[in-house]
Amino acid sequence: MKKDVVRAFIAIDLPKDVRDSLGEIINKLKAQLPSTPVRWMDHEKIHLTLKFLGDVSLKNLDIIKRIVKAETGKRQTMEMGIGGIGAFPKLHHPRVVWVGVEAPSELDDLRRGIEDATARLGYQRDQYGFTPHLTLGRVSRKASVGDIRRVGEVLHSFSVGYLGAARVKEVHVYRSDLHPDGAVYTRLFTAPLVEQNRQVVV
């Protein structure tokens, strides 16, 4: 990759107790799917993605930081609940395995504000509607029909209850560097939301 371009995304971090719970779920799924080609996430790296940008020039990166700061400055801190298991495109034909996120409408407002502003910069809008989720693993493209069916059967009988709440206080811009043993994420910028006991001064 060129030195003046970085691969970037915008995301919300999770508290350690939630990440640890996700790690336990991943280990249980691994035990039930020992030889199935699923690329499981490192639970320490799991986050809630608001916008994947792809390749970003350093010039645009400064603009994106200002966009994120402007959008978080309009909104108060919020809480989201973590729990339940699912898959895209559907549970019986899984390609992406995830744990759900129950979030207030303000989170979608925040995401939409970022989406609209980055679209004006020329970044492609997300093709699908926003379904807040935490990715646990991705089924390999080389997986057989039998492999996919097996993952679906395990997920259908696998239960994930309520894992806890996550307080959303900040939004981060991350750099993602791809390596043979997985992606390395580097935090480039952090923008705080407005604390609820403070009023925004206009």
C-alpha atoms as a PDB file:
ATOM      1  CA  MET A   1       0.000   0.000   0.000  1.00  0.00           C
ATOM      2  CA  LYS A   2       1.174   3.514  -0.790  1.00  0.00           C
ATOM      3  CA  LYS A   3       2.604   5.467   2.122  1.00  0.00           C
ATOM      4  CA  ASP A   4       0.121   8.307   1.606  1.00  0.00           C
ATOM      5  CA  VAL A   5      -2.884   5.948   1.804  1.00  0.00           C
ATOM      6  CA  VAL A   6      -4.200   3.979   4.779  1.00  0.00           C
ATOM      7  CA  ARG A   7      -6.941   1.366   5.068  1.00  0.00           C
ATOM      8  CA  ALA A   8      -9.330   2.767   7.649  1.00  0.00           C
ATOM      9  CA  PHE A   9     -12.634   2.311   9.445  1.00  0.00           C
ATOM     10  CA  ILE A  10     -14.716   4.085  12.101  1.00  0.00           C
ATOM     11  CA  ALA A  11     -15.790   2.075  15.148  1.00  0.00           C
ATOM     12  CA  ILE A  12     -16.886   1.890  18.767  1.00  0.00           C
ATOM     13  CA  ASP A  13     -14.804  -0.096  21.263  1.00  0.00           C
ATOM     14  CA  LEU A  14     -16.235  -2.587  23.760  1.00  0.00           C
ATOM     15  CA  PRO A  15     -15.527  -2.979  27.489  1.00  0.00           C
ATOM     16  CA  LYS A  16     -13.182  -5.788  28.502  1.00  0.00           C
ATOM     17  CA  ASP A  17     -15.872  -7.885  30.210  1.00  0.00           C
ATOM     18  CA  VAL A  18     -17.948  -7.964  27.013  1.00  0.00           C
ATOM     19  CA  ARG A  19     -14.899  -8.850  24.895  1.00  0.00           C
ATOM     20  CA  ASP A  20     -14.017 -11.644  27.326  1.00  0.00           C
ATOM     21  CA  SER A  21     -17.572 -13.022  27.088  1.00  0.00           C
ATOM     22  CA  LEU A  22     -17.298 -12.961  23.292  1.00  0.00           C
ATOM     23  CA  GLY A  23     -14.013 -14.870  23.579  1.00  0.00           C
ATOM     24  CA  GLU A  24     -15.719 -17.569  25.619  1.00  0.00           C
ATOM     25  CA  ILE A  25     -18.460 -17.891  22.997  1.00  0.00           C
ATOM     26  CA  ILE A  26     -15.887 -18.174  20.214  1.00  0.00           C
ATOM     27  CA  ASN A  27     -14.054 -20.935  22.115  1.00  0.00           C
ATOM     28  CA  LYS A  28     -17.308 -22.879  22.581  1.00  0.00           C
ATOM     29  CA  LEU A  29     -18.136 -22.576  18.887  1.00  0.00           C
ATOM     30  CA  LYS A  30     -14.606 -23.630  17.937  1.00  0.00           C
ATOM     31  CA  ALA A  31     -15.010 -26.750  20.110  1.00  0.00           C
ATOM     32  CA  GLN A  32     -18.227 -27.678  18.288  1.00  0.00           C
ATOM     33  CA  LEU A  33     -16.763 -26.918  14.851  1.00  0.00           C
ATOM     34  CA  PRO A  34     -13.197 -28.225  15.177  1.00  0.00           C
ATOM     35  CA  SER A  35     -12.450 -28.918  11.504  1.00  0.00           C
ATOM     36  CA  THR A  36     -14.800 -26.428   9.869  1.00  0.00           C
ATOM     37  CA  PRO A  37     -13.166 -23.643   7.814  1.00  0.00           C
ATOM     38  CA  VAL A  38     -14.242 -20.618   9.848  1.00  0.00           C
ATOM     39  CA  ARG A  39     -11.874 -17.699  10.427  1.00  0.00           C
ATOM     40  CA  TRP A  40     -12.610 -16.750  14.030  1.00  0.00           C
ATOM     41  CA  MET A  41     -11.923 -13.254  15.314  1.00  0.00           C
ATOM     42  CA  ASP A  42      -9.428 -12.425  18.032  1.00  0.00           C
ATOM     43  CA  HIS A  43     -11.913 -11.359  20.716  1.00  0.00           C
ATOM     44  CA  GLU A  44      -9.621  -8.550  21.856  1.00  0.00           C
ATOM     45  CA  LYS A  45     -10.072  -6.894  18.437  1.00  0.00           C
ATOM     46  CA  ILE A  46     -13.856  -7.118  18.230  1.00  0.00           C
ATOM     47  CA  HIS A  47     -15.558  -3.743  17.894  1.00  0.00           C
ATOM     48  CA  LEU A  48     -18.776  -2.258  16.529  1.00  0.00           C
ATOM     49  CA  THR A  49     -18.038  -0.888  13.065  1.00  0.00           C
ATOM     50  CA  LEU A  50     -19.952   2.250  12.126  1.00  0.00           C
ATOM     51  CA  LYS A  51     -18.288   2.763   8.759  1.00  0.00           C
ATOM     52  CA  PHE A  52     -15.658   0.856   6.782  1.00  0.00           C
ATOM     53  CA  LEU A  53     -13.883   3.351   4.555  1.00  0.00           C
ATOM     54  CA  GLY A  54     -11.287   1.236   2.754  1.00  0.00           C
ATOM     55  CA  ASP A  55      -8.339   3.121   1.295  1.00  0.00           C
ATOM     56  CA  VAL A  56      -8.112   6.703   2.585  1.00  0.00           C
ATOM     57  CA  SER A  57      -5.604   9.348   1.523  1.00  0.00           C
ATOM     58  CA  LEU A  58      -3.838  11.225   4.308  1.00  0.00           C
ATOM     59  CA  LYS A  59      -5.514  14.430   3.097  1.00  0.00           C
ATOM     60  CA  ASN A  60      -8.964  12.865   3.424  1.00  0.00           C
ATOM     61  CA  LEU A  61      -8.027  11.315   6.753  1.00  0.00           C
ATOM     62  CA  ASP A  62      -7.809  14.789   8.309  1.00  0.00           C
ATOM     63  CA  ILE A  63     -11.253  15.626   6.901  1.00  0.00           C
ATOM     64  CA  ILE A  64     -12.686  12.350   8.228  1.00  0.00           C
ATOM     65  CA  LYS A  65     -11.343  13.123  11.705  1.00  0.00           C
ATOM     66  CA  ARG A  66     -13.166  16.462  11.580  1.00  0.00           C
ATOM     67  CA  ILE A  67     -16.352  14.729  10.392  1.00  0.00           C
ATOM     68  CA  VAL A  68     -16.277  12.240  13.273  1.00  0.00           C
ATOM     69  CA  LYS A  69     -15.589  15.000  15.801  1.00  0.00           C
ATOM     70  CA  ALA A  70     -18.468  17.084  14.425  1.00  0.00           C
ATOM     71  CA  GLU A  71     -20.929  14.172  14.536  1.00  0.00           C
ATOM     72  CA  THR A  72     -20.023  13.022  18.053  1.00  0.00           C
ATOM     73  CA  GLY A  73     -20.180  16.630  19.261  1.00  0.00           C
ATOM     74  CA  LYS A  74     -23.891  16.714  18.359  1.00  0.00           C
ATOM     75  CA  ARG A  75     -24.822  13.604  20.346  1.00  0.00           C
ATOM     76  CA  GLN A  76     -24.852  12.438  23.934  1.00  0.00           C
ATOM     77  CA  THR A  77     -23.305   9.290  25.388  1.00  0.00           C
ATOM     78  CA  MET A  78     -25.580   6.271  25.133  1.00  0.00           C
ATOM     79  CA  GLU A  79     -25.838   2.650  26.174  1.00  0.00           C
ATOM     80  CA  MET A  80     -26.209  -0.470  24.047  1.00  0.00           C
ATOM     81  CA  GLY A  81     -27.015  -4.037  25.095  1.00  0.00           C
ATOM     82  CA  ILE A  82     -25.068  -7.066  23.848  1.00  0.00           C
ATOM     83  CA  GLY A  83     -26.585 -10.520  23.366  1.00  0.00           C
ATOM     84  CA  GLY A  84     -28.124 -13.104  21.059  1.00  0.00           C
ATOM     85  CA  ILE A  85     -26.467 -14.916  18.154  1.00  0.00           C
ATOM     86  CA  GLY A  86     -27.126 -14.698  14.434  1.00  0.00           C
ATOM     87  CA  ALA A  87     -25.576 -14.924  11.000  1.00  0.00           C
ATOM     88  CA  PHE A  88     -25.534 -13.190   7.623  1.00  0.00           C
ATOM     89  CA  PRO A  89     -27.141 -13.753   5.219  1.00  0.00           C
ATOM     90  CA  LYS A  90     -29.220 -16.116   7.408  1.00  0.00           C
ATOM     91  CA  LEU A  91     -28.769 -18.582  10.249  1.00  0.00           C
ATOM     92  CA  HIS A  92     -29.186 -21.696   8.100  1.00  0.00           C
ATOM     93  CA  HIS A  93     -26.777 -20.438   5.433  1.00  0.00           C
ATOM     94  CA  PRO A  94     -24.157 -18.573   7.469  1.00  0.00           C
ATOM     95  CA  ARG A  95     -21.245 -16.662   6.042  1.00  0.00           C
ATOM     96  CA  VAL A  96     -20.709 -14.220   8.927  1.00  0.00           C
ATOM     97  CA  VAL A  97     -21.380 -15.303  12.526  1.00  0.00           C
ATOM     98  CA  TRP A  98     -22.260 -12.530  14.944  1.00  0.00           C
ATOM     99  CA  VAL A  99     -23.570 -11.518  18.354  1.00  0.00           C
ATOM    100  CA  GLY A 100     -26.299  -8.904  18.326  1.00  0.00           C
ATOM    101  CA  VAL A 101     -26.324  -5.330  19.565  1.00  0.00           C
ATOM    102  CA  GLU A 102     -29.449  -3.610  20.825  1.00  0.00           C
ATOM    103  CA  ALA A 103     -28.844   0.093  20.458  1.00  0.00           C
ATOM    104  CA  PRO A 104     -30.920   3.265  20.752  1.00  0.00           C
ATOM    105  CA  SER A 105     -31.989   5.133  17.618  1.00  0.00           C
ATOM    106  CA  GLU A 106     -29.346   7.760  18.430  1.00  0.00           C
ATOM    107  CA  LEU A 107     -26.656   5.283  17.412  1.00  0.00           C
ATOM    108  CA  ASP A 108     -28.158   4.934  13.946  1.00  0.00           C
ATOM    109  CA  ASP A 109     -28.443   8.729  13.783  1.00  0.00           C
ATOM    110  CA  LEU A 110     -24.729   8.952  14.557  1.00  0.00           C
ATOM    111  CA  ARG A 111     -23.864   6.322  11.959  1.00  0.00           C
ATOM    112  CA  ARG A 112     -26.074   8.010   9.346  1.00  0.00           C
ATOM    113  CA  GLY A 113     -24.441  11.368   9.995  1.00  0.00           C
ATOM    114  CA  ILE A 114     -21.006   9.830   9.414  1.00  0.00           C
ATOM    115  CA  GLU A 115     -22.288   7.940   6.366  1.00  0.00           C
ATOM    116  CA  ASP A 116     -23.762  11.050   4.750  1.00  0.00           C
ATOM    117  CA  ALA A 117     -20.662  13.155   5.366  1.00  0.00           C
ATOM    118  CA  THR A 118     -18.213  10.524   4.094  1.00  0.00           C
ATOM    119  CA  ALA A 119     -20.435   9.900   1.037  1.00  0.00           C
ATOM    120  CA  ARG A 120     -20.035  13.574   0.137  1.00  0.00           C
ATOM    121  CA  LEU A 121     -16.289  12.955   0.164  1.00  0.00           C
ATOM    122  CA  GLY A 122     -16.782  10.169  -2.373  1.00  0.00           C
ATOM    123  CA  TYR A 123     -16.799   7.095  -0.121  1.00  0.00           C
ATOM    124  CA  GLN A 124     -19.303   4.447  -1.135  1.00  0.00           C
ATOM    125  CA  ARG A 125     -22.449   4.136   0.928  1.00  0.00           C
ATOM    126  CA  ASP A 126     -23.084   0.807   2.635  1.00  0.00           C
ATOM    127  CA  GLN A 127     -25.193  -1.406   0.392  1.00  0.00           C
ATOM    128  CA  TYR A 128     -27.147  -2.930   3.251  1.00  0.00           C
ATOM    129  CA  GLY A 129     -29.196  -1.428   6.048  1.00  0.00           C
ATOM    130  CA  PHE A 130     -27.479  -0.936   9.385  1.00  0.00           C
ATOM    131  CA  THR A 131     -27.761  -4.013  11.585  1.00  0.00           C
ATOM    132  CA  PRO A 132     -25.568  -3.404  14.657  1.00  0.00           C
ATOM    133  CA  HIS A 133     -23.551  -6.563  15.288  1.00  0.00           C
ATOM    134  CA  LEU A 134     -20.225  -7.884  16.559  1.00  0.00           C
ATOM    135  CA  THR A 135     -18.542 -10.275  14.146  1.00  0.00           C
ATOM    136  CA  LEU A 136     -17.297 -13.509  15.743  1.00  0.00           C
ATOM    137  CA  GLY A 137     -16.152 -15.325  12.630  1.00  0.00           C
ATOM    138  CA  ARG A 138     -16.375 -15.625   8.855  1.00  0.00           C
ATOM    139  CA  VAL A 139     -17.003 -18.898   7.044  1.00  0.00           C
ATOM    140  CA  SER A 140     -14.313 -19.480   4.418  1.00  0.00           C
ATOM    141  CA  ARG A 141     -15.235 -19.048   0.764  1.00  0.00           C
ATOM    142  CA  LYS A 142     -13.688 -22.496   0.277  1.00  0.00           C
ATOM    143  CA  ALA A 143     -16.174 -24.078   2.688  1.00  0.00           C
ATOM    144  CA  SER A 144     -18.251 -26.904   1.231  1.00  0.00           C
ATOM    145  CA  VAL A 145     -22.050 -27.009   1.267  1.00  0.00           C
ATOM    146  CA  GLY A 146     -21.728 -29.571   4.074  1.00  0.00           C
ATOM    147  CA  ASP A 147     -19.463 -27.247   6.068  1.00  0.00           C
ATOM    148  CA  ILE A 148     -21.925 -24.375   5.775  1.00  0.00           C
ATOM    149  CA  ARG A 149     -24.811 -26.637   6.758  1.00  0.00           C
ATOM    150  CA  ARG A 150     -22.877 -27.857   9.797  1.00  0.00           C
ATOM    151  CA  VAL A 151     -22.172 -24.289  10.973  1.00  0.00           C
ATOM    152  CA  GLY A 152     -25.856 -23.457  10.542  1.00  0.00           C
ATOM    153  CA  GLU A 153     -26.914 -26.509  12.573  1.00  0.00           C
ATOM    154  CA  VAL A 154     -24.576 -25.566  15.423  1.00  0.00           C
ATOM    155  CA  LEU A 155     -25.754 -21.942  15.437  1.00  0.00           C
ATOM    156  CA  HIS A 156     -29.393 -23.008  15.391  1.00  0.00           C
ATOM    157  CA  SER A 157     -28.940 -24.958  18.618  1.00  0.00           C
ATOM    158  CA  PHE A 158     -26.473 -22.514  20.207  1.00  0.00           C
ATOM    159  CA  SER A 159     -27.853 -20.017  22.705  1.00  0.00           C
ATOM    160  CA  VAL A 160     -26.338 -16.693  23.709  1.00  0.00           C
ATOM    161  CA  GLY A 161     -28.127 -14.729  26.400  1.00  0.00           C
ATOM    162  CA  TYR A 162     -27.661 -11.161  27.513  1.00  0.00           C
ATOM    163  CA  LEU A 163     -23.932 -10.464  27.854  1.00  0.00           C
ATOM    164  CA  GLY A 164     -24.101  -6.992  29.343  1.00  0.00           C
ATOM    165  CA  ALA A 165     -24.212  -3.335  28.459  1.00  0.00           C
ATOM    166  CA  ALA A 166     -21.642  -1.145  26.793  1.00  0.00           C
ATOM    167  CA  ARG A 167     -21.534   2.588  27.384  1.00  0.00           C
ATOM    168  CA  VAL A 168     -20.775   4.475  24.183  1.00  0.00           C
ATOM    169  CA  LYS A 169     -18.630   7.456  25.140  1.00  0.00           C
ATOM    170  CA  GLU A 170     -16.244   7.713  22.182  1.00  0.00           C
ATOM    171  CA  VAL A 171     -15.921   6.948  18.495  1.00  0.00           C
ATOM    172  CA  HIS A 172     -12.566   5.967  17.022  1.00  0.00           C
ATOM    173  CA  VAL A 173     -10.904   6.111  13.631  1.00  0.00           C
ATOM    174  CA  TYR A 174      -8.730   3.040  13.107  1.00  0.00           C
ATOM    175  CA  ARG A 175      -6.070   2.076  10.635  1.00  0.00           C
ATOM    176  CA  SER A 176      -6.133  -1.569   9.532  1.00  0.00           C
ATOM    177  CA  ASP A 177      -2.962  -3.255   8.268  1.00  0.00           C
ATOM    178  CA  LEU A 178      -3.414  -6.711   6.780  1.00  0.00           C
ATOM    179  CA  HIS A 179      -0.882  -9.398   7.702  1.00  0.00           C
ATOM    180  CA  PRO A 180      -0.800 -13.152   7.011  1.00  0.00           C
ATOM    181  CA  ASP A 181      -1.784 -13.902  10.631  1.00  0.00           C
ATOM    182  CA  GLY A 182      -4.590 -11.327  10.708  1.00  0.00           C
ATOM    183  CA  ALA A 183      -5.250  -7.598  10.660  1.00  0.00           C
ATOM    184  CA  VAL A 184      -3.502  -5.201  13.019  1.00  0.00           C
ATOM    185  CA  TYR A 185      -5.601  -2.233  14.140  1.00  0.00           C
ATOM    186  CA  THR A 186      -4.031   1.082  15.121  1.00  0.00           C
ATOM    187  CA  ARG A 187      -6.147   3.822  16.679  1.00  0.00           C
ATOM    188  CA  LEU A 188      -5.564   7.091  14.828  1.00  0.00           C
ATOM    189  CA  PHE A 189      -8.140   9.401  16.379  1.00  0.00           C
ATOM    190  CA  THR A 190     -10.755   9.487  19.145  1.00  0.00           C
ATOM    191  CA  ALA A 191     -13.777  11.781  19.356  1.00  0.00           C
ATOM    192  CA  PRO A 192     -15.871  11.924  22.548  1.00  0.00           C
ATOM    193  CA  LEU A 193     -19.652  12.084  22.681  1.00  0.00           C
ATOM    194  CA  VAL A 194     -21.253  14.711  24.905  1.00  0.00           C
ATOM    195  CA  GLU A 195     -21.722  13.615  28.517  1.00  0.00           C
ATOM    196  CA  GLN A 196     -25.443  13.469  29.313  1.00  0.00           C
ATOM    197  CA  ASN A 197     -25.207  15.791  32.297  1.00  0.00           C
ATOM    198  CA  ARG A 198     -23.688  18.499  30.116  1.00  0.00           C
ATOM    199  CA  GLN A 199     -25.608  20.655  27.676  1.00  0.00           C
ATOM    200  CA  VAL A 200     -24.256  21.376  24.234  1.00  0.00           C
ATOM    201  CA  VAL A 201     -23.407  25.052  23.912  1.00  0.00           C
ATOM    202  CA  VAL A 202     -24.523  26.381  20.551  1.00  0.00           C
END
